[in-house]
Amino acid sequence: MKAPLFCSLALLVATAHAADGDDTRQLASLPPAAESTLRAEMRANLLALNEILGLVASGKFKEAGEIAEQELGLSAMGKHRDLPFEARPGPHMPPAMHAIAMDGHRAASEFARIAASGDRDKTIAALPSLTSGCVACHYVYRLR
């Protein structure tokens, strides 16, 4: 599965600047509560990715897809809607950062669809799509 064009371009631009040693990433100023929520969500995403990788390594492709959809996919969107506005990251992100996040949710749902098929080779080939949005965002944006 191919990474979304926007994520690929963002990654290329960011990589070109990363080698110079200066942190040239764009500052995404979020209210402190939204930043805290986002950081907690990123840690939870890492746990989900780790669980997905373990399931794939064990040949449990369908289960990996279920976790991908529940924790990272389109089904995971809106989990902060009940928080106060200042604690919700999405509305405070720069539009391009938000677009990368949306691409990541879509990629996780696509991975889940592929994994649900039980096809080992296609599932393994789709694994990088789970992290391409993460990589693109972390290379382009910073919170501090």
Foldseek 3Di string as FASTA:
>chain_A
DDQPPLLVVLLVVLVVPVVVVDQPAAAQAAQPLQVVLVVVLVVQLVVLLVVLVVCLVVLNLLVSLVSLLCNQAPVVPPPCVPPPPSNHNLVRGDPSLNVLSNSLNHLSNVLSVQSNVSDSVSNVVSSVNNCSSVSSNVSRYDHD
